[in-house]
Every structure is written in structure tokens, then in C-alpha cells.
Amino acid sequence: MQQRASFGRKGQGSEEPERRPISFGKADEASEMDRRREAFIAAERARRQQEGDYVEPPGSDDLPASSNAQPKSIGTGYILWFLLGQFAAHRFYVGSSSMAFAQISLRLVGVLLFLSANFYGLYLLGAALVWWAVDGIMLPDLIRQANARSRGATRAFA
């Protein structure tokens, strides 16, 4: 008679363990995270209502996710890029103000160096021109990302 080998913990014998589908924990973790997030939001609302900081607007659960956020338009972005691109208006439009300040600074330093008879200013102005052209190519993606950020932020705090 053959004896079956058991590779379990000591003392559990040779009974078959319960079979569950393999999920690698993704679904369980996601549902657990959803439950924790909802509990956290409910606790925060209750705490703010007790402190008098937060008053929930009537019917806020019925509002669509993007009711407050106006979607950015690609046409408006291209108009700003073409007419006011030297002042990085298109970057301010998509909410990338740090890059807008970097573009303005690059142009300003380039102009100041060029006016002071330093030809390195031409290199900086050339780099600013290339950056402006690349932004023209990347503008639809920048606007899609800005729209996604505004939708995501609205949904997270609804």
C-alpha cells in the first residue's frame, strides 16, 4: 500500500486543504481599499460636521462627477500656444505653472544675455524656440492629462 506524502504544516494530517481560486490578492486588496476609503471619508465628514467646518450641499450625491470642472479645449490651447506661446499661456491653461515659469525664465535669460552682447543668449533662445515647438506637438496630450486630473480630483472628493 502506498502512503501519500503530506507537505503541510505539522499536526494537520493528510486532509485536503480548502481550494480557493487564485486571485493574487488584487481583488481582495481593491475591495478592502474601497471599504477603508469610504470609511475614512465618512469619518472625515462626521468630524468636520462636529467642528462646524463642513456642510454637505443638498443633493451632492446626485451631481455628476465633472459638474464643476470645465473641460479644457484643444482649440483654445492651440490659440494660446500660437498667439501667447512666448509667455507660456498654454502651459498656464493646462495647469502646469511650474513649467510655464521655467519657459518664461529661459526666454528672459536668453534675451538678457543676448542684449548684453553674450551670444550664449542665442542658444537659450533657440532652446526656448524648440521647447515651444515641442509643446505644440504635445499640446493635445497635455490637455487630455489636465482634463483627467480635473475629473479625478472631482471624483475623489465628491
Protein backbone atom coordinates (compact mmCIF):
# COMPACT_ATOMS: atom_id res chain seq x y z
CA MET A 1 0.00 0.00 0.00
CA GLN A 2 1.29 3.40 -0.96
CA GLN A 3 1.31 6.13 1.55
CA ARG A 4 0.63 9.67 0.32
CA ALA A 5 3.12 12.33 1.28
CA SER A 6 1.81 15.41 3.07
CA PHE A 7 3.61 18.72 2.64
CA GLY A 8 1.53 20.79 5.04
CA ARG A 9 2.15 22.13 8.49
CA LYS A 10 2.99 19.76 11.29
CA GLY A 11 0.00 18.29 13.04
CA GLN A 12 -2.55 18.95 10.26
CA GLY A 13 -2.57 15.44 8.98
CA SER A 14 -3.23 14.48 5.39
CA GLU A 15 -6.64 16.07 4.84
CA GLU A 16 -7.10 18.12 1.71
CA PRO A 17 -6.98 21.87 2.24
CA GLU A 18 -9.88 24.01 1.05
CA ARG A 19 -9.40 25.06 -2.57
CA ARG A 20 -9.93 28.73 -3.40
CA PRO A 21 -9.40 30.42 -6.73
CA ILE A 22 -6.05 32.14 -7.07
CA SER A 23 -6.54 35.91 -7.17
CA PHE A 24 -3.07 37.11 -6.15
CA GLY A 25 -4.77 39.46 -3.69
CA LYS A 26 -5.66 42.19 -6.22
CA ALA A 27 -9.43 41.96 -5.93
CA ASP A 28 -9.31 41.49 -2.17
CA GLU A 29 -6.95 44.44 -1.76
CA ALA A 30 -9.05 46.65 -4.02
CA SER A 31 -12.28 45.92 -2.16
CA GLU A 32 -10.51 46.39 1.16
CA MET A 33 -9.07 49.71 -0.02
CA ASP A 34 -12.53 50.84 -1.23
CA ARG A 35 -14.03 49.95 2.13
CA ARG A 36 -11.28 51.78 4.01
CA ARG A 37 -11.56 54.84 1.76
CA GLU A 38 -15.33 55.06 2.23
CA ALA A 39 -14.92 54.68 6.00
CA PHE A 40 -12.25 57.38 6.06
CA ILE A 41 -14.37 59.81 4.03
CA ALA A 42 -17.39 59.17 6.27
CA ALA A 43 -15.27 59.70 9.41
CA GLU A 44 -13.81 62.93 7.99
CA ARG A 45 -17.25 64.27 7.10
CA ALA A 46 -18.54 63.44 10.57
CA ARG A 47 -15.52 65.10 12.22
CA ARG A 48 -15.86 68.24 10.09
CA GLN A 49 -19.59 68.44 10.77
CA GLN A 50 -18.92 68.23 14.51
CA GLU A 51 -16.35 71.03 14.25
CA GLY A 52 -18.65 73.10 12.06
CA ASP A 53 -16.16 73.25 9.16
CA TYR A 54 -18.14 71.27 6.63
CA VAL A 55 -21.72 71.47 5.48
CA GLU A 56 -22.63 68.99 2.77
CA PRO A 57 -24.61 70.60 -0.03
CA PRO A 58 -28.08 69.18 -0.56
CA GLY A 59 -28.23 66.59 -3.32
CA SER A 60 -24.45 66.35 -3.66
CA ASP A 61 -24.66 62.60 -4.26
CA ASP A 62 -26.81 63.21 -7.34
CA LEU A 63 -24.30 65.51 -9.07
CA PRO A 64 -22.22 64.17 -11.96
CA ALA A 65 -18.51 63.78 -11.27
CA SER A 66 -17.40 66.64 -13.52
CA SER A 67 -20.12 69.20 -12.71
CA ASN A 68 -17.72 71.91 -11.51
CA ALA A 69 -14.81 71.26 -13.83
CA GLN A 70 -14.91 72.77 -17.30
CA PRO A 71 -13.05 70.56 -19.75
CA LYS A 72 -10.09 72.17 -21.47
CA SER A 73 -10.40 72.69 -25.20
CA ILE A 74 -7.67 71.72 -27.65
CA GLY A 75 -8.65 74.63 -29.90
CA THR A 76 -8.25 77.14 -27.08
CA GLY A 77 -4.94 75.54 -26.17
CA TYR A 78 -3.62 75.93 -29.72
CA ILE A 79 -4.78 79.55 -29.92
CA LEU A 80 -2.95 80.31 -26.66
CA TRP A 81 0.09 78.37 -27.85
CA PHE A 82 0.29 80.23 -31.16
CA LEU A 83 -0.56 83.77 -30.02
CA LEU A 84 0.81 83.84 -26.47
CA GLY A 85 3.20 80.91 -26.53
CA GLN A 86 6.18 83.17 -25.84
CA PHE A 87 4.59 83.92 -22.46
CA ALA A 88 3.73 80.23 -21.85
CA ALA A 89 -0.01 80.93 -21.71
CA HIS A 90 -0.75 77.40 -22.95
CA ARG A 91 1.15 75.93 -20.00
CA PHE A 92 -0.82 78.06 -17.55
CA TYR A 93 -4.01 76.94 -19.32
CA VAL A 94 -3.30 73.24 -18.73
CA GLY A 95 -2.31 73.86 -15.10
CA SER A 96 1.43 73.37 -15.50
CA SER A 97 2.51 76.65 -13.96
CA SER A 98 5.96 75.47 -12.87
CA MET A 99 6.86 74.61 -16.48
CA ALA A 100 5.35 77.91 -17.60
CA PHE A 101 7.64 79.81 -15.23
CA ALA A 102 10.59 77.75 -16.47
CA GLN A 103 9.79 78.65 -20.09
CA ILE A 104 9.41 82.32 -19.26
CA SER A 105 12.68 82.29 -17.31
CA LEU A 106 14.53 80.59 -20.16
CA ARG A 107 13.33 83.23 -22.63
CA LEU A 108 14.05 86.10 -20.25
CA VAL A 109 17.58 84.93 -19.50
CA GLY A 110 18.19 84.32 -23.21
CA VAL A 111 17.05 87.83 -24.13
CA LEU A 112 19.08 89.44 -21.34
CA LEU A 113 22.22 87.55 -22.33
CA PHE A 114 21.75 88.39 -25.98
CA LEU A 115 21.20 92.08 -25.22
CA SER A 116 24.36 92.15 -23.14
CA ALA A 117 26.33 91.03 -26.24
CA ASN A 118 26.73 87.49 -24.94
CA PHE A 119 25.98 85.04 -27.75
CA TYR A 120 25.06 82.26 -25.33
CA GLY A 121 21.72 84.02 -25.23
CA LEU A 122 21.11 82.79 -28.79
CA TYR A 123 21.49 79.19 -27.60
CA LEU A 124 18.95 79.77 -24.84
CA LEU A 125 16.54 81.47 -27.23
CA GLY A 126 16.98 78.56 -29.66
CA ALA A 127 16.25 76.10 -26.86
CA ALA A 128 13.14 78.11 -25.95
CA LEU A 129 12.00 78.01 -29.58
CA VAL A 130 12.48 74.23 -29.72
CA TRP A 131 10.59 73.85 -26.43
CA TRP A 132 7.74 75.97 -27.85
CA ALA A 133 7.58 73.79 -31.00
CA VAL A 134 7.60 70.55 -28.98
CA ASP A 135 4.80 71.93 -26.81
CA GLY A 136 2.77 72.42 -29.98
CA ILE A 137 3.13 68.72 -30.72
CA MET A 138 2.44 67.65 -27.14
CA LEU A 139 -0.47 70.05 -26.51
CA PRO A 140 -3.35 67.57 -27.12
CA ASP A 141 -1.82 65.13 -24.64
CA LEU A 142 -1.23 67.90 -22.08
CA ILE A 143 -4.89 68.92 -22.37
CA ARG A 144 -6.06 65.30 -22.01
CA GLN A 145 -3.96 64.97 -18.85
CA ALA A 146 -5.34 68.24 -17.46
CA ASN A 147 -8.91 67.06 -18.11
CA ALA A 148 -8.16 63.71 -16.47
CA ARG A 149 -6.70 65.46 -13.41
CA SER A 150 -9.74 67.68 -13.03
CA ARG A 151 -12.13 64.71 -13.34
CA GLY A 152 -10.09 62.61 -10.91
CA ALA A 153 -9.87 65.37 -8.31
CA THR A 154 -13.60 66.00 -8.53
CA ARG A 155 -14.45 62.32 -8.09
CA ALA A 156 -12.07 61.77 -5.19
CA PHE A 157 -13.62 64.50 -3.02
CA ALA A 158 -17.26 64.19 -4.03
